[in-house]
Every structure is written in structure tokens, then in C-alpha cells.
Amino acid sequence: MSFKLPELLAFYENKTQAILRRYGPGPRVHYHTGLIEGEYPGEADAIRLREALVRSQENLLQHATNAWRLDSLKGCEILDVGCGLGGGALFLAQEFGVRVTALTIAPSHAELVRRFAAQAGVSELVIPMIGDALEVPGESRFDAAIAIDSSSSFPRAPWFRRLAKVLRPHGRVLIADCFLVDQKYEDPFNTHWCAQIGTLEEYLNAANGAGFREETIADVSNEAERFWSLSLSLMRSEETTREFNVSLSARLKTSRRMHTMVRDGLASGGLRQLLLGFGFSRAAVDSST
């Protein structure tokens, strides 16, 4: 299943208020899977559960800091592809002092990124850009491209080919996302999240075809499974405090089913949550110099 850009734009524009309610108020607002190591508050009030979810999202970024050696990017130019409401971009700017172009297809998200960057005091470092991930303008502009739970929205082969143009000769591609193992998860995942989930093999082939080589493959499925369990706990807690109409009840029922599916997929190995890192192959670097 492949979604066209207008469908993807409508999906994310319609998600904005729900993202703010669940993961706000900011300024670092994330819309991606989190990582939970060890115990977590499975039974608590909605406020505590929501706080734990946000901490888990920050934990993914901290984990990625080590896996991807993000401290080596200090002073670099970064492209945050599919930046959501800018939580990752603000993290990079605040923690490492890097300049981040925060790319989104949703105009309302770009305005929120700009507002949150001002609140965080990093307006000069975080620059929102509205556009298509396959049409980022320019060449040799960035030292790294980062995609946190967004690469499943892009057709991989043309995306990697575009990254090969906009990255500098020693640039890196850093990806955190959910990957397909068992085909039974493909259609429901794609339909619910307006996505085109791929296998690890597909990513590796697309990257290699564009001149990249894999440097990091870290499996964080166990830690991500706990995130989805915690999200389900929050849903149950919210159901006791919210007023429901037929439409909202149906949406929540679908969300519970999909969150359960991802949790169970990660537990069974039918889905995998991975951190990937790519750099240019030596042949690609030599041909560009």
C-alpha cells in the first residue's frame, strides 16, 4: 500500500491536537515510539502514565545518542526528516548545539516547531521547512539525516537516492523505526498509520543501491514493547475520565486494537524496532571527490 502526499498531509494535520494532548505541552513534543528499560507504572493515574510515556520517548533519543554517537555531530548541519512537532530537532539543538532543518509536510506543524523552538531558546538553531522528503532542495547541505519513526512514510529507494545528494561526502543516515518481519502485520499497520512499513532487507538494499553502507543495527524491540504496553494502560485510564460519543468510542477501540497488535508483534518477533545507521561506502566517497 502506498499513500500519496495529500493523504499523508491530511493524516498528520488531523493528528495535531491528539499529539499535543497525549505528549504535550512541550516545548519538546515527540510523536514516536519510546523505550522503557525495567519496571514502569502499569497501574497509575493518567497524568503519571502520560509523564512516563514522554520520558520513554526522551529515553529513545538518549539511547540513540549512544548507538549513533550523536555527540560527534556537534557543530554540524542536520536534516530531521519528518520532524513531527519538533521534539527531536529541539533535542539535537539543545543537547549538541547543532543546526537542524526540521522537515515536515504539515504547515501547522512547522508553525508549532517554530513556536516551540522559541520557547526552548533555540530559534537560531531549529529551522522549520515544509516539503516532501523526496524533494529536499540542494546538494551536499547536511552532515546527517535523522528519521525518527518517519521513514516508514517514504518509498525507501528514491528517499535514499535523494539523501545521497543532499548529504556531504561523509554524511550519515540515522533511522529509528518499526520494521516488518511477518507479512500479516503489513496491511493493518499501513492502513492505520498511513504508512508503507518495510523490512530490514528492503532498507539495506535501498541504502546500498544509493551508495550507503550499514554501520549500526541495534534491536530495541523489548524496550519498545513496554512502550506500547504503557500506552494501552494510559488508554484504559483515560476511558474512566473522558466523556464518549459513538465516534470517539469507535476511534479508541481501533487505537487499542492497533496498539495491541504492535505490542504483540514486537513480543513475537513479527515486528522489530530498530536503530539503523548508514554512512557512505568508500567507493561512493571516492567517486564524489
C-alpha atoms as a PDB file:
ATOM      1  CA  MET A   1       0.000   0.000   0.000  1.00  0.00           C
ATOM      2  CA  SER A   2       1.360   3.393  -0.962  1.00  0.00           C
ATOM      3  CA  PHE A   3      -0.184   6.684   0.162  1.00  0.00           C
ATOM      4  CA  LYS A   4       0.043   9.870  -1.870  1.00  0.00           C
ATOM      5  CA  LEU A   5       1.311  13.096  -0.356  1.00  0.00           C
ATOM      6  CA  PRO A   6      -2.134  14.750   0.102  1.00  0.00           C
ATOM      7  CA  GLU A   7      -3.312  11.717   2.099  1.00  0.00           C
ATOM      8  CA  LEU A   8      -0.214  11.796   4.275  1.00  0.00           C
ATOM      9  CA  LEU A   9      -0.587  15.542   4.800  1.00  0.00           C
ATOM     10  CA  ALA A  10      -4.218  15.161   5.880  1.00  0.00           C
ATOM     11  CA  PHE A  11      -3.291  12.327   8.242  1.00  0.00           C
ATOM     12  CA  TYR A  12      -0.699  14.389  10.114  1.00  0.00           C
ATOM     13  CA  GLU A  13      -2.678  17.623  10.120  1.00  0.00           C
ATOM     14  CA  ASN A  14      -5.584  15.733  11.680  1.00  0.00           C
ATOM     15  CA  LYS A  15      -3.280  14.215  14.334  1.00  0.00           C
ATOM     16  CA  THR A  16      -2.001  17.524  15.705  1.00  0.00           C
ATOM     17  CA  GLN A  17      -4.351  18.067  18.640  1.00  0.00           C
ATOM     18  CA  ALA A  18      -4.233  14.420  19.675  1.00  0.00           C
ATOM     19  CA  ILE A  19      -0.410  14.555  19.722  1.00  0.00           C
ATOM     20  CA  LEU A  20      -0.460  17.681  21.876  1.00  0.00           C
ATOM     21  CA  ARG A  21      -2.991  16.183  24.307  1.00  0.00           C
ATOM     22  CA  ARG A  22      -1.038  12.984  24.755  1.00  0.00           C
ATOM     23  CA  TYR A  23       2.590  14.095  24.526  1.00  0.00           C
ATOM     24  CA  GLY A  24       2.472  17.865  25.227  1.00  0.00           C
ATOM     25  CA  PRO A  25       2.612  20.552  26.381  1.00  0.00           C
ATOM     26  CA  GLY A  26       6.207  20.947  25.195  1.00  0.00           C
ATOM     27  CA  PRO A  27       8.381  22.525  24.143  1.00  0.00           C
ATOM     28  CA  ARG A  28       9.865  19.092  23.306  1.00  0.00           C
ATOM     29  CA  VAL A  29       6.835  17.246  21.935  1.00  0.00           C
ATOM     30  CA  HIS A  30       7.538  13.839  20.400  1.00  0.00           C
ATOM     31  CA  TYR A  31       5.375  11.642  18.217  1.00  0.00           C
ATOM     32  CA  HIS A  32       7.296   8.384  18.143  1.00  0.00           C
ATOM     33  CA  THR A  33       7.835   5.138  19.973  1.00  0.00           C
ATOM     34  CA  GLY A  34       9.631   5.291  23.301  1.00  0.00           C
ATOM     35  CA  LEU A  35      11.934   2.856  25.078  1.00  0.00           C
ATOM     36  CA  ILE A  36      11.345   1.562  28.598  1.00  0.00           C
ATOM     37  CA  GLU A  37      14.025  -0.386  30.409  1.00  0.00           C
ATOM     38  CA  GLY A  38      12.987  -2.269  33.547  1.00  0.00           C
ATOM     39  CA  GLU A  39       9.865  -1.545  35.555  1.00  0.00           C
ATOM     40  CA  TYR A  40       7.250   1.033  34.597  1.00  0.00           C
ATOM     41  CA  PRO A  41       3.999   2.236  36.181  1.00  0.00           C
ATOM     42  CA  GLY A  42       1.468  -0.052  34.521  1.00  0.00           C
ATOM     43  CA  GLU A  43      -1.232   0.922  37.012  1.00  0.00           C
ATOM     44  CA  ALA A  44      -1.359   4.647  37.778  1.00  0.00           C
ATOM     45  CA  ASP A  45      -3.436   7.705  37.050  1.00  0.00           C
ATOM     46  CA  ALA A  46      -3.456   9.194  33.556  1.00  0.00           C
ATOM     47  CA  ILE A  47      -1.093  12.037  34.472  1.00  0.00           C
ATOM     48  CA  ARG A  48       1.650   9.693  35.722  1.00  0.00           C
ATOM     49  CA  LEU A  49       1.213   7.344  32.786  1.00  0.00           C
ATOM     50  CA  ARG A  50       1.442  10.228  30.314  1.00  0.00           C
ATOM     51  CA  GLU A  51       4.606  11.506  32.019  1.00  0.00           C
ATOM     52  CA  ALA A  52       6.115   8.025  31.801  1.00  0.00           C
ATOM     53  CA  LEU A  53       5.338   7.864  28.076  1.00  0.00           C
ATOM     54  CA  VAL A  54       7.081  11.181  27.438  1.00  0.00           C
ATOM     55  CA  ARG A  55      10.109  10.056  29.473  1.00  0.00           C
ATOM     56  CA  SER A  56      10.271   6.901  27.376  1.00  0.00           C
ATOM     57  CA  GLN A  57      10.343   8.963  24.181  1.00  0.00           C
ATOM     58  CA  GLU A  58      13.214  11.024  25.526  1.00  0.00           C
ATOM     59  CA  ASN A  59      14.871   7.741  26.522  1.00  0.00           C
ATOM     60  CA  LEU A  60      14.818   6.609  22.903  1.00  0.00           C
ATOM     61  CA  LEU A  61      16.737   9.743  21.951  1.00  0.00           C
ATOM     62  CA  GLN A  62      19.213   9.202  24.783  1.00  0.00           C
ATOM     63  CA  HIS A  63      19.674   5.592  23.673  1.00  0.00           C
ATOM     64  CA  ALA A  64      20.183   6.764  20.097  1.00  0.00           C
ATOM     65  CA  THR A  65      22.793   9.236  21.331  1.00  0.00           C
ATOM     66  CA  ASN A  66      24.995   6.298  22.295  1.00  0.00           C
ATOM     67  CA  ALA A  67      24.107   3.995  19.392  1.00  0.00           C
ATOM     68  CA  TRP A  68      24.677   6.708  16.778  1.00  0.00           C
ATOM     69  CA  ARG A  69      27.458   8.644  18.583  1.00  0.00           C
ATOM     70  CA  LEU A  70      25.408  11.825  18.295  1.00  0.00           C
ATOM     71  CA  ASP A  71      27.947  13.778  20.309  1.00  0.00           C
ATOM     72  CA  SER A  72      30.211  13.581  17.243  1.00  0.00           C
ATOM     73  CA  LEU A  73      27.715  15.797  15.385  1.00  0.00           C
ATOM     74  CA  LYS A  74      28.409  18.920  17.435  1.00  0.00           C
ATOM     75  CA  GLY A  75      28.600  21.923  15.153  1.00  0.00           C
ATOM     76  CA  CYS A  76      27.077  20.015  12.234  1.00  0.00           C
ATOM     77  CA  GLU A  77      24.116  20.655   9.938  1.00  0.00           C
ATOM     78  CA  ILE A  78      21.349  18.098  10.460  1.00  0.00           C
ATOM     79  CA  LEU A  79      18.219  17.267   8.460  1.00  0.00           C
ATOM     80  CA  ASP A  80      15.375  15.962  10.653  1.00  0.00           C
ATOM     81  CA  VAL A  81      13.175  14.187   8.117  1.00  0.00           C
ATOM     82  CA  GLY A  82       9.524  14.002   9.136  1.00  0.00           C
ATOM     83  CA  CYS A  83      10.120  16.045  12.271  1.00  0.00           C
ATOM     84  CA  GLY A  84       6.582  15.914  13.688  1.00  0.00           C
ATOM     85  CA  LEU A  85       6.155  18.703  16.233  1.00  0.00           C
ATOM     86  CA  GLY A  86       9.902  19.142  16.521  1.00  0.00           C
ATOM     87  CA  GLY A  87      10.786  17.241  19.701  1.00  0.00           C
ATOM     88  CA  GLY A  88      13.760  15.503  18.111  1.00  0.00           C
ATOM     89  CA  ALA A  89      15.015  18.672  16.452  1.00  0.00           C
ATOM     90  CA  LEU A  90      14.890  20.555  19.756  1.00  0.00           C
ATOM     91  CA  PHE A  91      16.662  17.668  21.486  1.00  0.00           C
ATOM     92  CA  LEU A  92      19.512  17.809  18.969  1.00  0.00           C
ATOM     93  CA  ALA A  93      19.786  21.589  19.146  1.00  0.00           C
ATOM     94  CA  GLN A  94      19.659  21.785  22.947  1.00  0.00           C
ATOM     95  CA  GLU A  95      21.868  18.799  23.711  1.00  0.00           C
ATOM     96  CA  PHE A  96      24.504  19.166  20.978  1.00  0.00           C
ATOM     97  CA  GLY A  97      24.264  22.716  19.665  1.00  0.00           C
ATOM     98  CA  VAL A  98      23.685  21.513  16.106  1.00  0.00           C
ATOM     99  CA  ARG A  99      21.744  23.418  13.468  1.00  0.00           C
ATOM    100  CA  VAL A 100      18.663  21.402  12.478  1.00  0.00           C
ATOM    101  CA  THR A 101      16.442  21.774   9.441  1.00  0.00           C
ATOM    102  CA  ALA A 102      13.141  20.329  10.648  1.00  0.00           C
ATOM    103  CA  LEU A 103      11.334  18.975   7.591  1.00  0.00           C
ATOM    104  CA  THR A 104       7.563  18.399   7.649  1.00  0.00           C
ATOM    105  CA  ILE A 105       4.787  18.231   5.081  1.00  0.00           C
ATOM    106  CA  ALA A 106       2.297  19.804   7.520  1.00  0.00           C
ATOM    107  CA  PRO A 107       2.232  23.632   7.605  1.00  0.00           C
ATOM    108  CA  SER A 108       0.619  23.704  11.057  1.00  0.00           C
ATOM    109  CA  HIS A 109       3.438  21.539  12.397  1.00  0.00           C
ATOM    110  CA  ALA A 110       6.049  23.918  11.017  1.00  0.00           C
ATOM    111  CA  GLU A 111       4.441  26.769  12.940  1.00  0.00           C
ATOM    112  CA  LEU A 112       4.411  24.715  16.129  1.00  0.00           C
ATOM    113  CA  VAL A 113       8.081  23.789  15.646  1.00  0.00           C
ATOM    114  CA  ARG A 114       8.899  27.472  15.278  1.00  0.00           C
ATOM    115  CA  ARG A 115       6.945  28.332  18.437  1.00  0.00           C
ATOM    116  CA  PHE A 116       8.460  25.515  20.495  1.00  0.00           C
ATOM    117  CA  ALA A 117      11.984  26.395  19.327  1.00  0.00           C
ATOM    118  CA  ALA A 118      11.424  29.956  20.548  1.00  0.00           C
ATOM    119  CA  GLN A 119      10.204  28.665  23.921  1.00  0.00           C
ATOM    120  CA  ALA A 120      13.290  26.478  24.217  1.00  0.00           C
ATOM    121  CA  GLY A 121      15.648  29.307  23.236  1.00  0.00           C
ATOM    122  CA  VAL A 122      16.949  27.596  20.083  1.00  0.00           C
ATOM    123  CA  SER A 123      15.221  29.596  17.337  1.00  0.00           C
ATOM    124  CA  GLU A 124      18.559  30.237  15.638  1.00  0.00           C
ATOM    125  CA  LEU A 125      19.338  26.505  15.544  1.00  0.00           C
ATOM    126  CA  VAL A 126      15.992  24.948  14.522  1.00  0.00           C
ATOM    127  CA  ILE A 127      14.710  25.961  11.092  1.00  0.00           C
ATOM    128  CA  PRO A 128      11.339  24.527  10.014  1.00  0.00           C
ATOM    129  CA  MET A 129      10.975  23.537   6.368  1.00  0.00           C
ATOM    130  CA  ILE A 130       7.734  22.497   4.667  1.00  0.00           C
ATOM    131  CA  GLY A 131       8.263  19.969   1.907  1.00  0.00           C
ATOM    132  CA  ASP A 132       8.471  16.438   0.571  1.00  0.00           C
ATOM    133  CA  ALA A 133      11.238  14.145   1.870  1.00  0.00           C
ATOM    134  CA  LEU A 134      11.908  13.089  -1.728  1.00  0.00           C
ATOM    135  CA  GLU A 135      12.416  16.665  -2.920  1.00  0.00           C
ATOM    136  CA  VAL A 136      14.697  18.303  -0.355  1.00  0.00           C
ATOM    137  CA  PRO A 137      16.453  21.039  -2.341  1.00  0.00           C
ATOM    138  CA  GLY A 138      20.184  21.466  -2.752  1.00  0.00           C
ATOM    139  CA  GLU A 139      23.256  19.248  -2.732  1.00  0.00           C
ATOM    140  CA  SER A 140      25.878  18.460  -0.079  1.00  0.00           C
ATOM    141  CA  ARG A 141      23.983  20.542   2.518  1.00  0.00           C
ATOM    142  CA  PHE A 142      23.879  18.281   5.553  1.00  0.00           C
ATOM    143  CA  ASP A 143      26.216  16.199   7.675  1.00  0.00           C
ATOM    144  CA  ALA A 144      23.477  13.797   8.773  1.00  0.00           C
ATOM    145  CA  ALA A 145      19.835  12.984   8.135  1.00  0.00           C
ATOM    146  CA  ILE A 146      17.754  11.649  11.016  1.00  0.00           C
ATOM    147  CA  ALA A 147      14.341   9.993  10.726  1.00  0.00           C
ATOM    148  CA  ILE A 148      12.564   9.010  13.949  1.00  0.00           C
ATOM    149  CA  ASP A 149       9.512   6.831  13.206  1.00  0.00           C
ATOM    150  CA  SER A 150       9.052   8.643   9.898  1.00  0.00           C
ATOM    151  CA  SER A 151      10.963   6.591   7.319  1.00  0.00           C
ATOM    152  CA  SER A 152       8.028   4.164   7.086  1.00  0.00           C
ATOM    153  CA  SER A 153       6.173   7.013   5.328  1.00  0.00           C
ATOM    154  CA  PHE A 154       8.670   7.279   2.448  1.00  0.00           C
ATOM    155  CA  PRO A 155       9.389   4.980  -0.510  1.00  0.00           C
ATOM    156  CA  ARG A 156      12.863   3.883   0.520  1.00  0.00           C
ATOM    157  CA  ALA A 157      14.810   3.652  -2.754  1.00  0.00           C
ATOM    158  CA  PRO A 158      14.064   7.209  -4.006  1.00  0.00           C
ATOM    159  CA  TRP A 159      14.445   8.562  -0.460  1.00  0.00           C
ATOM    160  CA  PHE A 160      17.945   7.139  -0.070  1.00  0.00           C
ATOM    161  CA  ARG A 161      18.860   8.398  -3.532  1.00  0.00           C
ATOM    162  CA  ARG A 162      17.781  11.915  -2.541  1.00  0.00           C
ATOM    163  CA  LEU A 163      19.743  11.682   0.706  1.00  0.00           C
ATOM    164  CA  ALA A 164      22.815  10.694  -1.281  1.00  0.00           C
ATOM    165  CA  LYS A 165      22.537  14.090  -3.000  1.00  0.00           C
ATOM    166  CA  VAL A 166      21.798  16.350  -0.027  1.00  0.00           C
ATOM    167  CA  LEU A 167      24.368  14.787   2.337  1.00  0.00           C
ATOM    168  CA  ARG A 168      28.036  15.710   2.329  1.00  0.00           C
ATOM    169  CA  PRO A 169      30.601  13.032   1.372  1.00  0.00           C
ATOM    170  CA  HIS A 170      30.956  11.781   4.948  1.00  0.00           C
ATOM    171  CA  GLY A 171      27.282  12.217   5.815  1.00  0.00           C
ATOM    172  CA  ARG A 172      25.244   9.699   7.773  1.00  0.00           C
ATOM    173  CA  VAL A 173      21.648   8.456   7.686  1.00  0.00           C
ATOM    174  CA  LEU A 174      20.205   7.608  11.118  1.00  0.00           C
ATOM    175  CA  ILE A 175      16.862   5.815  11.382  1.00  0.00           C
ATOM    176  CA  ALA A 176      14.676   4.664  14.263  1.00  0.00           C
ATOM    177  CA  ASP A 177      11.567   2.831  13.134  1.00  0.00           C
ATOM    178  CA  CYS A 178       9.379  -0.255  13.189  1.00  0.00           C
ATOM    179  CA  PHE A 179      10.278  -2.956  10.666  1.00  0.00           C
ATOM    180  CA  LEU A 180       8.217  -5.747   9.157  1.00  0.00           C
ATOM    181  CA  VAL A 181       9.046  -9.411   9.673  1.00  0.00           C
ATOM    182  CA  ASP A 182       5.660 -11.172   9.453  1.00  0.00           C
ATOM    183  CA  GLN A 183       3.600 -10.058   6.457  1.00  0.00           C
ATOM    184  CA  LYS A 184       0.320 -10.322   8.379  1.00  0.00           C
ATOM    185  CA  TYR A 185       1.124  -7.006  10.079  1.00  0.00           C
ATOM    186  CA  GLU A 186       1.724  -5.055   6.870  1.00  0.00           C
ATOM    187  CA  ASP A 187      -1.780  -4.034   5.761  1.00  0.00           C
ATOM    188  CA  PRO A 188      -3.232  -3.140   9.193  1.00  0.00           C
ATOM    189  CA  PHE A 189      -0.092  -1.189  10.131  1.00  0.00           C
ATOM    190  CA  ASN A 190      -0.060   0.740   6.878  1.00  0.00           C
ATOM    191  CA  THR A 191      -3.774   1.479   6.927  1.00  0.00           C
ATOM    192  CA  HIS A 192      -3.840   2.772  10.495  1.00  0.00           C
ATOM    193  CA  TRP A 193      -0.688   4.920  10.312  1.00  0.00           C
ATOM    194  CA  CYS A 194      -0.892   5.933   6.642  1.00  0.00           C
ATOM    195  CA  ALA A 195       2.450   4.201   6.183  1.00  0.00           C
ATOM    196  CA  GLN A 196       4.402   1.803   3.986  1.00  0.00           C
ATOM    197  CA  ILE A 197       6.287  -0.286   6.546  1.00  0.00           C
ATOM    198  CA  GLY A 198       9.325  -2.108   5.178  1.00  0.00           C
ATOM    199  CA  THR A 199      11.624  -4.978   6.033  1.00  0.00           C
ATOM    200  CA  LEU A 200      15.201  -4.552   7.164  1.00  0.00           C
ATOM    201  CA  GLU A 201      16.348  -6.220   3.946  1.00  0.00           C
ATOM    202  CA  GLU A 202      14.451  -3.669   1.877  1.00  0.00           C
ATOM    203  CA  TYR A 203      16.126  -0.783   3.739  1.00  0.00           C
ATOM    204  CA  LEU A 204      19.571  -2.322   3.358  1.00  0.00           C
ATOM    205  CA  ASN A 205      19.072  -2.891  -0.361  1.00  0.00           C
ATOM    206  CA  ALA A 206      17.792   0.650  -0.891  1.00  0.00           C
ATOM    207  CA  ALA A 207      20.654   2.140   1.097  1.00  0.00           C
ATOM    208  CA  ASN A 208      23.312   0.062  -0.623  1.00  0.00           C
ATOM    209  CA  GLY A 209      21.833   0.939  -4.016  1.00  0.00           C
ATOM    210  CA  ALA A 210      22.245   4.638  -3.222  1.00  0.00           C
ATOM    211  CA  GLY A 211      25.877   4.247  -2.141  1.00  0.00           C
ATOM    212  CA  PHE A 212      25.470   3.794   1.631  1.00  0.00           C
ATOM    213  CA  ARG A 213      26.765   1.035   3.858  1.00  0.00           C
ATOM    214  CA  GLU A 214      25.247  -0.050   7.142  1.00  0.00           C
ATOM    215  CA  GLU A 215      27.186   0.886  10.280  1.00  0.00           C
ATOM    216  CA  THR A 216      24.658   0.284  13.071  1.00  0.00           C
ATOM    217  CA  ILE A 217      21.820  -2.192  13.521  1.00  0.00           C
ATOM    218  CA  ALA A 218      20.536  -2.138  17.102  1.00  0.00           C
ATOM    219  CA  ASP A 219      17.415  -4.071  18.104  1.00  0.00           C
ATOM    220  CA  VAL A 220      15.387  -2.310  20.826  1.00  0.00           C
ATOM    221  CA  SER A 221      12.187  -4.330  20.368  1.00  0.00           C
ATOM    222  CA  ASN A 222      11.933  -5.434  24.006  1.00  0.00           C
ATOM    223  CA  GLU A 223      12.170  -1.862  25.302  1.00  0.00           C
ATOM    224  CA  ALA A 224       9.697  -0.656  22.643  1.00  0.00           C
ATOM    225  CA  GLU A 225       7.201  -3.401  23.514  1.00  0.00           C
ATOM    226  CA  ARG A 226       6.932  -1.907  27.021  1.00  0.00           C
ATOM    227  CA  PHE A 227       6.123   1.490  25.486  1.00  0.00           C
ATOM    228  CA  TRP A 228       3.092   0.048  23.712  1.00  0.00           C
ATOM    229  CA  SER A 229       2.009  -1.748  26.889  1.00  0.00           C
ATOM    230  CA  LEU A 230       2.244   1.540  28.763  1.00  0.00           C
ATOM    231  CA  SER A 231       0.258   3.285  26.038  1.00  0.00           C
ATOM    232  CA  LEU A 232      -2.507   0.714  26.440  1.00  0.00           C
ATOM    233  CA  SER A 233      -2.506   1.335  30.204  1.00  0.00           C
ATOM    234  CA  LEU A 234      -2.963   5.043  29.527  1.00  0.00           C
ATOM    235  CA  MET A 235      -5.883   4.350  27.215  1.00  0.00           C
ATOM    236  CA  ARG A 236      -7.593   2.299  29.899  1.00  0.00           C
ATOM    237  CA  SER A 237      -7.025   5.061  32.441  1.00  0.00           C
ATOM    238  CA  GLU A 238      -8.350   7.743  30.087  1.00  0.00           C
ATOM    239  CA  GLU A 239     -11.505   5.780  29.418  1.00  0.00           C
ATOM    240  CA  THR A 240     -12.554   6.234  33.031  1.00  0.00           C
ATOM    241  CA  THR A 241     -12.284  10.028  32.877  1.00  0.00           C
ATOM    242  CA  ARG A 242     -13.432  11.006  29.369  1.00  0.00           C
ATOM    243  CA  GLU A 243     -16.905  11.504  28.031  1.00  0.00           C
ATOM    244  CA  PHE A 244     -17.540   9.344  24.999  1.00  0.00           C
ATOM    245  CA  ASN A 245     -19.657   9.687  21.913  1.00  0.00           C
ATOM    246  CA  VAL A 246     -20.082   6.978  19.305  1.00  0.00           C
ATOM    247  CA  SER A 247     -17.352   8.374  17.021  1.00  0.00           C
ATOM    248  CA  LEU A 248     -14.755   8.760  19.779  1.00  0.00           C
ATOM    249  CA  SER A 249     -15.533   5.332  21.196  1.00  0.00           C
ATOM    250  CA  ALA A 250     -15.016   3.720  17.776  1.00  0.00           C
ATOM    251  CA  ARG A 251     -11.698   5.529  17.257  1.00  0.00           C
ATOM    252  CA  LEU A 252     -10.410   4.480  20.658  1.00  0.00           C
ATOM    253  CA  LYS A 253     -11.436   0.884  20.033  1.00  0.00           C
ATOM    254  CA  THR A 254      -9.450   0.906  16.795  1.00  0.00           C
ATOM    255  CA  SER A 255      -6.456   2.517  18.520  1.00  0.00           C
ATOM    256  CA  ARG A 256      -6.496  -0.102  21.277  1.00  0.00           C
ATOM    257  CA  ARG A 257      -6.579  -2.871  18.717  1.00  0.00           C
ATOM    258  CA  MET A 258      -3.662  -1.412  16.743  1.00  0.00           C
ATOM    259  CA  HIS A 259      -1.532  -0.667  19.809  1.00  0.00           C
ATOM    260  CA  THR A 260      -2.141  -4.227  20.984  1.00  0.00           C
ATOM    261  CA  MET A 261      -1.127  -5.520  17.565  1.00  0.00           C
ATOM    262  CA  VAL A 262       2.185  -3.643  17.611  1.00  0.00           C
ATOM    263  CA  ARG A 263       2.918  -4.710  21.192  1.00  0.00           C
ATOM    264  CA  ASP A 264       2.216  -8.349  20.348  1.00  0.00           C
ATOM    265  CA  GLY A 265       4.157  -8.107  17.088  1.00  0.00           C
ATOM    266  CA  LEU A 266       7.233  -6.836  18.896  1.00  0.00           C
ATOM    267  CA  ALA A 267       6.860  -9.547  21.543  1.00  0.00           C
ATOM    268  CA  SER A 268       6.548 -12.354  18.989  1.00  0.00           C
ATOM    269  CA  GLY A 269       9.200 -11.131  16.549  1.00  0.00           C
ATOM    270  CA  GLY A 270       6.671 -10.350  13.815  1.00  0.00           C
ATOM    271  CA  LEU A 271       7.750  -6.697  14.098  1.00  0.00           C
ATOM    272  CA  ARG A 272      11.099  -5.233  15.125  1.00  0.00           C
ATOM    273  CA  GLN A 273      12.006  -1.815  16.475  1.00  0.00           C
ATOM    274  CA  LEU A 274      15.484  -0.976  15.200  1.00  0.00           C
ATOM    275  CA  LEU A 275      18.034   1.806  15.273  1.00  0.00           C
ATOM    276  CA  LEU A 276      19.908   1.898  11.963  1.00  0.00           C
ATOM    277  CA  GLY A 277      22.946   3.918  10.991  1.00  0.00           C
ATOM    278  CA  PHE A 278      24.386   4.291   7.483  1.00  0.00           C
ATOM    279  CA  GLY A 279      27.416   6.046   6.061  1.00  0.00           C
ATOM    280  CA  PHE A 280      28.616   6.424   2.501  1.00  0.00           C
ATOM    281  CA  SER A 281      30.557   3.496   1.131  1.00  0.00           C
ATOM    282  CA  ARG A 282      34.191   4.169   0.366  1.00  0.00           C
ATOM    283  CA  ALA A 283      33.521   3.807  -3.375  1.00  0.00           C
ATOM    284  CA  ALA A 284      30.776   6.428  -3.198  1.00  0.00           C
ATOM    285  CA  VAL A 285      33.011   8.833  -1.263  1.00  0.00           C
ATOM    286  CA  ASP A 286      35.903   8.371  -3.680  1.00  0.00           C
ATOM    287  CA  SER A 287      33.700   8.974  -6.713  1.00  0.00           C
ATOM    288  CA  SER A 288      32.465  12.263  -5.265  1.00  0.00           C
ATOM    289  CA  THR A 289      35.921  13.695  -4.611  1.00  0.00           C
END
